[in-house]
Amino acid sequence: MKSRSIEKIKTYTPKGFREKFLGENNPIHLLFKSNSDHFFCLEIEEMMHMQHPVPPSKHSCHTLIFISSGQHVMKLGYQEYTTINNEIIVVPAGQIFSLDNVNNIHSGYICQFHPDILIGKFGNREMLNDFDFLKISGNPKTKLSIEDVPLITTIFNRLQKEYNDTNLADLNIVQTYLIALFYEMNKNSVKFSKPISAAEIITNKFKELIHLHIKNQHQVNHYASLLNVTPNHLNKCVKTVTGKSAVKWIDENILLEAKYLLFQTTLSINEIAAQVGHEDQSYFSRFFKKHEGISPIQYRKMIDKS
């Protein structure tokens, strides 16, 4: 049974590519049955009409994509992930993502929910620390063992039923099934995971801190101080784990945040410069052009014409 929200999306015709991602015009918002539940779960086949390239974007909700057949390719930040049969990828709330190509997905589920759904009757903030894939710095992919696929599929099917069968989803039921799903994913992660090194621990914490402070802190020294290590040690750890320097990570995250704001907001270039910690608009424009080859204004125009 198709939801009324899907029918709304099919009849929604935005004026242009970028406009449909601005604020409440985002077609994903039309899938939420109310402003309070912020939850949906659907079979991917029901959303194939929404498949198209997406420039750097982000959402206030967590997104889970379970591929039972086919292939899905997306970027989280600057890292590309390919998800195939019997794998789940999680886009944590606030994580900037992008899609360069239409994906070849035959079957699976997509589920999106606000983080607050996990905190309440059956959950708490401390429990959320158990789920590494919900963190910006965590490993977003979970490979499922063959024997666990039917159970995972049943959980997604139950979440879809709760979304489709009622006017408003019972968030207690949704929370219970999501928590069960996450512990099943954790169980599979342990089966395929490798021991984590000290350098990886520092690098992951560095990624989390960049996410929190990128709008006003651009110095390696600042992050090293928060981690109680020297700047040289921080840089060595990050370079060993990722192949890129700490400075490169900071610059790329400034650029990603700027791209997201250029695409998904109506802020002026001057306002965007301030949002990413560059009070001088001309300096911000030079920084952007150095990395992208075009100015922020040209980038926004390019998206508008897409």
Protein backbone atom coordinates (compact mmCIF):
# COMPACT_ATOMS: atom_id res chain seq x y z
CA MET A 1 0.00 0.00 0.00
CA LYS A 2 1.49 3.32 -1.08
CA SER A 3 1.39 6.13 1.46
CA ARG A 4 -0.42 9.39 0.88
CA SER A 5 2.93 11.13 1.34
CA ILE A 6 4.32 9.34 -1.72
CA GLU A 7 1.33 10.49 -3.75
CA LYS A 8 1.98 14.07 -2.59
CA ILE A 9 5.57 13.88 -3.82
CA LYS A 10 4.51 12.52 -7.19
CA THR A 11 2.18 15.46 -7.73
CA TYR A 12 4.69 18.02 -6.43
CA THR A 13 6.41 19.97 -9.19
CA PRO A 14 9.14 22.34 -7.98
CA LYS A 15 10.11 25.43 -9.93
CA GLY A 16 13.74 24.35 -10.21
CA PHE A 17 16.29 21.84 -9.01
CA ARG A 18 17.65 23.82 -6.07
CA GLU A 19 14.32 25.25 -4.95
CA LYS A 20 12.89 21.86 -4.04
CA PHE A 21 15.61 21.37 -1.42
CA LEU A 22 15.05 24.69 0.34
CA GLY A 23 13.48 24.39 3.77
CA GLU A 24 10.09 22.70 3.87
CA ASN A 25 10.06 22.47 0.06
CA ASN A 26 12.44 19.49 0.34
CA PRO A 27 10.46 16.51 -1.01
CA ILE A 28 11.70 14.40 1.91
CA HIS A 29 9.70 16.64 4.26
CA LEU A 30 6.56 15.63 2.39
CA LEU A 31 7.11 12.05 3.56
CA PHE A 32 6.70 13.08 7.20
CA LYS A 33 3.04 12.78 8.16
CA SER A 34 3.41 15.50 10.81
CA ASN A 35 5.96 17.99 12.06
CA SER A 36 6.20 16.02 15.30
CA ASP A 37 6.96 12.46 14.19
CA HIS A 38 9.72 13.05 11.60
CA PHE A 39 9.77 9.40 10.58
CA PHE A 40 9.22 7.34 7.47
CA CYS A 41 10.17 3.89 6.22
CA LEU A 42 9.51 2.80 2.64
CA GLU A 43 10.65 0.26 0.11
CA ILE A 44 13.23 1.83 -2.18
CA GLU A 45 11.17 0.92 -5.24
CA GLU A 46 8.51 3.39 -4.08
CA MET A 47 11.07 6.21 -4.20
CA MET A 48 12.84 5.46 -7.48
CA HIS A 49 11.19 8.51 -9.08
CA MET A 50 13.25 10.65 -6.67
CA GLN A 51 16.58 9.24 -7.92
CA HIS A 52 18.81 12.02 -9.24
CA PRO A 53 22.24 13.55 -8.52
CA VAL A 54 22.28 15.66 -5.33
CA PRO A 55 24.98 18.25 -4.52
CA PRO A 56 26.32 18.41 -0.92
CA SER A 57 23.30 18.39 1.39
CA LYS A 58 22.43 17.43 4.94
CA HIS A 59 19.41 16.63 7.06
CA SER A 60 18.46 16.90 10.72
CA CYS A 61 17.40 13.23 10.71
CA HIS A 62 19.31 9.94 10.56
CA THR A 63 18.88 7.99 7.31
CA LEU A 64 19.27 4.22 6.88
CA ILE A 65 19.47 2.60 3.46
CA PHE A 66 19.25 -1.20 3.34
CA ILE A 67 20.18 -2.74 -0.02
CA SER A 68 18.77 -6.25 -0.50
CA SER A 69 19.47 -6.26 -4.24
CA GLY A 70 21.45 -3.85 -6.41
CA GLN A 71 24.03 -1.17 -5.69
CA HIS A 72 24.01 2.29 -4.09
CA VAL A 73 26.86 4.82 -4.35
CA MET A 74 27.06 8.00 -2.29
CA LYS A 75 29.58 10.31 -0.69
CA LEU A 76 29.63 11.08 3.01
CA GLY A 77 31.79 14.16 3.18
CA TYR A 78 34.51 13.49 0.61
CA GLN A 79 34.57 9.71 1.06
CA GLU A 80 32.67 7.56 -1.40
CA TYR A 81 30.83 4.45 -0.22
CA THR A 82 29.38 1.69 -2.38
CA THR A 83 26.63 -0.34 -0.68
CA ILE A 84 25.67 -3.70 -2.19
CA ASN A 85 23.43 -6.69 -1.45
CA ASN A 86 22.84 -7.34 2.27
CA GLU A 87 24.50 -4.13 3.44
CA ILE A 88 23.15 -1.11 5.32
CA ILE A 89 24.58 2.40 5.12
CA VAL A 90 23.70 5.08 7.67
CA VAL A 91 23.83 8.81 7.04
CA PRO A 92 23.99 10.34 10.53
CA ALA A 93 21.97 13.48 11.26
CA GLY A 94 24.00 16.53 10.27
CA GLN A 95 26.38 14.58 8.01
CA ILE A 96 26.91 16.23 4.63
CA PHE A 97 26.26 13.76 1.80
CA SER A 98 26.06 13.88 -1.98
CA LEU A 99 24.95 11.64 -4.85
CA ASP A 100 26.76 11.95 -8.17
CA ASN A 101 24.80 9.37 -10.13
CA VAL A 102 21.44 7.65 -10.21
CA ASN A 103 21.90 4.38 -8.35
CA ASN A 104 21.12 0.87 -9.61
CA ILE A 105 18.98 -0.33 -6.70
CA HIS A 106 16.57 -3.20 -7.32
CA SER A 107 15.15 -3.68 -3.85
CA GLY A 108 15.61 -2.62 -0.24
CA TYR A 109 14.36 -0.06 2.26
CA ILE A 110 15.04 3.54 3.19
CA CYS A 111 14.19 4.74 6.69
CA GLN A 112 14.59 8.24 8.09
CA PHE A 113 13.94 9.36 11.66
CA HIS A 114 14.72 12.24 13.98
CA PRO A 115 17.34 11.49 16.69
CA ASP A 116 14.83 12.39 19.42
CA ILE A 117 12.79 9.29 18.53
CA LEU A 118 15.54 7.17 20.09
CA ILE A 119 15.33 8.99 23.42
CA GLY A 120 12.23 8.36 25.50
CA LYS A 121 10.31 5.45 26.94
CA PHE A 122 12.75 2.71 25.94
CA GLY A 123 15.92 4.64 25.13
CA ASN A 124 18.36 7.17 26.56
CA ARG A 125 21.34 9.22 25.45
CA GLU A 126 23.87 6.88 27.04
CA MET A 127 22.52 3.94 25.05
CA LEU A 128 23.10 5.86 21.81
CA ASN A 129 26.85 5.68 22.43
CA ASP A 130 26.57 1.95 21.67
CA PHE A 131 25.79 2.67 18.03
CA ASP A 132 28.96 3.83 16.30
CA PHE A 133 27.25 4.14 12.89
CA LEU A 134 25.03 6.98 14.20
CA LYS A 135 28.13 9.13 14.82
CA ILE A 136 29.74 11.41 12.24
CA SER A 137 33.09 9.71 12.88
CA GLY A 138 31.73 6.16 12.89
CA ASN A 139 31.83 3.49 10.20
CA PRO A 140 28.57 4.08 8.30
CA LYS A 141 28.36 0.65 6.67
CA THR A 142 27.17 -2.63 8.15
CA LYS A 143 27.62 -5.91 6.29
CA LEU A 144 24.94 -8.42 7.27
CA SER A 145 25.49 -12.15 7.59
CA ILE A 146 23.24 -14.22 5.34
CA GLU A 147 21.46 -15.81 8.29
CA ASP A 148 20.54 -12.39 9.74
CA VAL A 149 19.11 -10.89 6.53
CA PRO A 150 15.56 -12.33 6.98
CA LEU A 151 15.34 -10.89 10.52
CA ILE A 152 16.60 -7.46 9.40
CA THR A 153 14.16 -7.50 6.49
CA THR A 154 11.31 -8.29 8.89
CA ILE A 155 12.23 -5.32 11.09
CA PHE A 156 12.26 -2.93 8.12
CA ASN A 157 8.97 -4.40 6.91
CA ARG A 158 7.44 -3.81 10.37
CA LEU A 159 8.69 -0.20 10.40
CA GLN A 160 7.20 0.31 6.93
CA LYS A 161 3.88 -1.15 8.10
CA GLU A 162 3.82 1.22 11.09
CA TYR A 163 4.45 4.16 8.77
CA ASN A 164 1.81 3.15 6.22
CA ASP A 165 -1.00 1.71 8.34
CA THR A 166 -1.78 4.59 10.68
CA ASN A 167 -2.43 8.30 10.42
CA LEU A 168 0.47 8.90 12.81
CA ALA A 169 3.12 6.31 13.60
CA ASP A 170 3.26 5.00 17.17
CA LEU A 171 6.71 6.26 18.06
CA ASN A 172 7.00 3.79 20.95
CA ILE A 173 6.71 0.95 18.44
CA VAL A 174 9.07 2.71 16.02
CA GLN A 175 11.62 3.26 18.79
CA THR A 176 11.47 -0.37 19.90
CA TYR A 177 12.07 -1.74 16.40
CA LEU A 178 14.83 0.78 15.65
CA ILE A 179 16.69 -0.16 18.83
CA ALA A 180 16.33 -3.87 17.98
CA LEU A 181 17.62 -3.12 14.47
CA PHE A 182 20.64 -1.24 15.80
CA TYR A 183 21.66 -4.02 18.18
CA GLU A 184 21.34 -6.52 15.32
CA MET A 185 23.55 -4.24 13.21
CA ASN A 186 26.05 -4.02 16.08
CA LYS A 187 26.13 -7.81 16.29
CA ASN A 188 27.01 -7.99 12.59
CA SER A 189 29.57 -5.19 12.88
CA VAL A 190 31.46 -7.21 15.52
CA LYS A 191 31.61 -10.22 13.17
CA PHE A 192 33.36 -8.25 10.42
CA SER A 193 35.18 -5.52 12.37
CA LYS A 194 38.94 -5.15 12.87
CA PRO A 195 40.71 -3.95 16.03
CA ILE A 196 40.90 -0.13 16.15
CA SER A 197 44.29 1.53 16.65
CA ALA A 198 45.18 4.49 18.88
CA ALA A 199 45.67 6.61 15.74
CA GLU A 200 42.15 5.72 14.54
CA ILE A 201 40.66 6.65 17.92
CA ILE A 202 42.31 10.10 17.80
CA THR A 203 41.32 10.57 14.15
CA ASN A 204 37.68 9.68 14.84
CA LYS A 205 37.55 12.12 17.75
CA PHE A 206 39.13 14.77 15.50
CA LYS A 207 36.37 14.22 12.91
CA GLU A 208 33.69 14.62 15.56
CA LEU A 209 35.28 17.86 16.80
CA ILE A 210 35.52 19.28 13.28
CA HIS A 211 31.81 18.66 12.85
CA LEU A 212 31.10 20.56 16.07
CA HIS A 213 33.52 23.49 15.63
CA ILE A 214 34.08 23.98 11.89
CA LYS A 215 32.03 27.18 11.81
CA ASN A 216 34.45 29.02 14.09
CA GLN A 217 37.66 27.00 14.57
CA HIS A 218 40.04 26.39 11.68
CA GLN A 219 43.37 25.85 13.47
CA VAL A 220 44.98 22.44 13.99
CA ASN A 221 46.33 23.75 17.31
CA HIS A 222 42.78 24.18 18.63
CA TYR A 223 41.79 20.58 17.88
CA ALA A 224 45.08 19.19 19.19
CA SER A 225 44.49 21.07 22.46
CA LEU A 226 40.98 19.61 22.80
CA LEU A 227 42.43 16.13 22.27
CA ASN A 228 45.37 16.71 24.65
CA VAL A 229 47.96 15.88 21.98
CA THR A 230 50.53 17.96 20.10
CA PRO A 231 49.61 19.34 16.66
CA ASN A 232 52.37 17.20 15.12
CA HIS A 233 50.99 14.03 16.72
CA LEU A 234 47.46 14.86 15.63
CA ASN A 235 48.60 15.47 12.07
CA LYS A 236 50.61 12.23 12.04
CA CYS A 237 47.60 10.21 13.26
CA VAL A 238 45.18 11.77 10.77
CA LYS A 239 47.63 11.35 7.87
CA THR A 240 48.33 7.72 8.77
CA VAL A 241 44.63 6.81 8.98
CA THR A 242 43.16 8.89 6.15
CA GLY A 243 46.09 9.78 3.88
CA LYS A 244 45.28 13.49 4.30
CA SER A 245 46.67 16.09 6.69
CA ALA A 246 44.63 17.62 9.50
CA VAL A 247 44.72 20.97 7.67
CA LYS A 248 43.33 19.30 4.55
CA TRP A 249 40.49 17.82 6.60
CA ILE A 250 39.66 21.24 8.04
CA ASP A 251 39.71 22.94 4.63
CA GLU A 252 37.55 20.22 3.06
CA ASN A 253 34.97 20.51 5.82
CA ILE A 254 34.82 24.31 5.46
CA LEU A 255 34.26 23.79 1.74
CA LEU A 256 31.58 21.12 2.27
CA GLU A 257 29.70 23.31 4.74
CA ALA A 258 29.85 26.20 2.25
CA LYS A 259 28.58 24.00 -0.60
CA TYR A 260 25.70 22.77 1.54
CA LEU A 261 24.74 26.35 2.44
CA LEU A 262 25.01 27.47 -1.20
CA PHE A 263 22.76 24.61 -2.28
CA GLN A 264 20.25 24.16 0.50
CA THR A 265 19.74 27.72 1.82
CA THR A 266 18.94 31.18 0.50
CA LEU A 267 21.71 32.85 2.54
CA SER A 268 23.78 35.49 0.76
CA ILE A 269 27.46 34.84 -0.03
CA ASN A 270 28.42 37.25 2.75
CA GLU A 271 26.20 35.39 5.24
CA ILE A 272 27.60 32.03 4.14
CA ALA A 273 31.16 33.32 4.57
CA ALA A 274 30.30 34.27 8.15
CA GLN A 275 28.62 30.90 8.75
CA VAL A 276 31.85 29.06 7.92
CA GLY A 277 34.03 31.39 9.99
CA HIS A 278 35.27 33.77 7.28
CA GLU A 279 34.19 37.29 8.16
CA ASP A 280 35.93 38.61 5.04
CA GLN A 281 33.75 37.70 2.06
CA SER A 282 36.53 38.31 -0.46
CA TYR A 283 38.85 35.93 1.42
CA PHE A 284 36.10 33.31 1.50
CA SER A 285 35.50 33.70 -2.24
CA ARG A 286 39.23 33.28 -2.95
CA PHE A 287 39.33 30.21 -0.67
CA PHE A 288 36.32 28.68 -2.44
CA LYS A 289 37.66 29.38 -5.93
CA LYS A 290 41.10 27.99 -5.03
CA HIS A 291 39.54 24.64 -4.17
CA GLU A 292 36.62 24.50 -6.64
CA GLY A 293 37.91 26.47 -9.60
CA ILE A 294 34.80 28.67 -9.61
CA SER A 295 33.44 31.38 -7.31
CA PRO A 296 30.63 30.74 -4.78
CA ILE A 297 28.24 32.77 -6.96
CA GLN A 298 29.13 30.69 -10.03
CA TYR A 299 28.66 27.48 -8.03
CA ARG A 300 25.16 28.50 -6.96
CA LYS A 301 24.24 29.51 -10.53
CA MET A 302 25.55 26.18 -11.80
CA ILE A 303 23.24 24.32 -9.40
CA ASP A 304 20.28 26.52 -10.32
CA LYS A 305 20.74 25.54 -13.96
CA SER A 306 21.00 21.81 -13.20
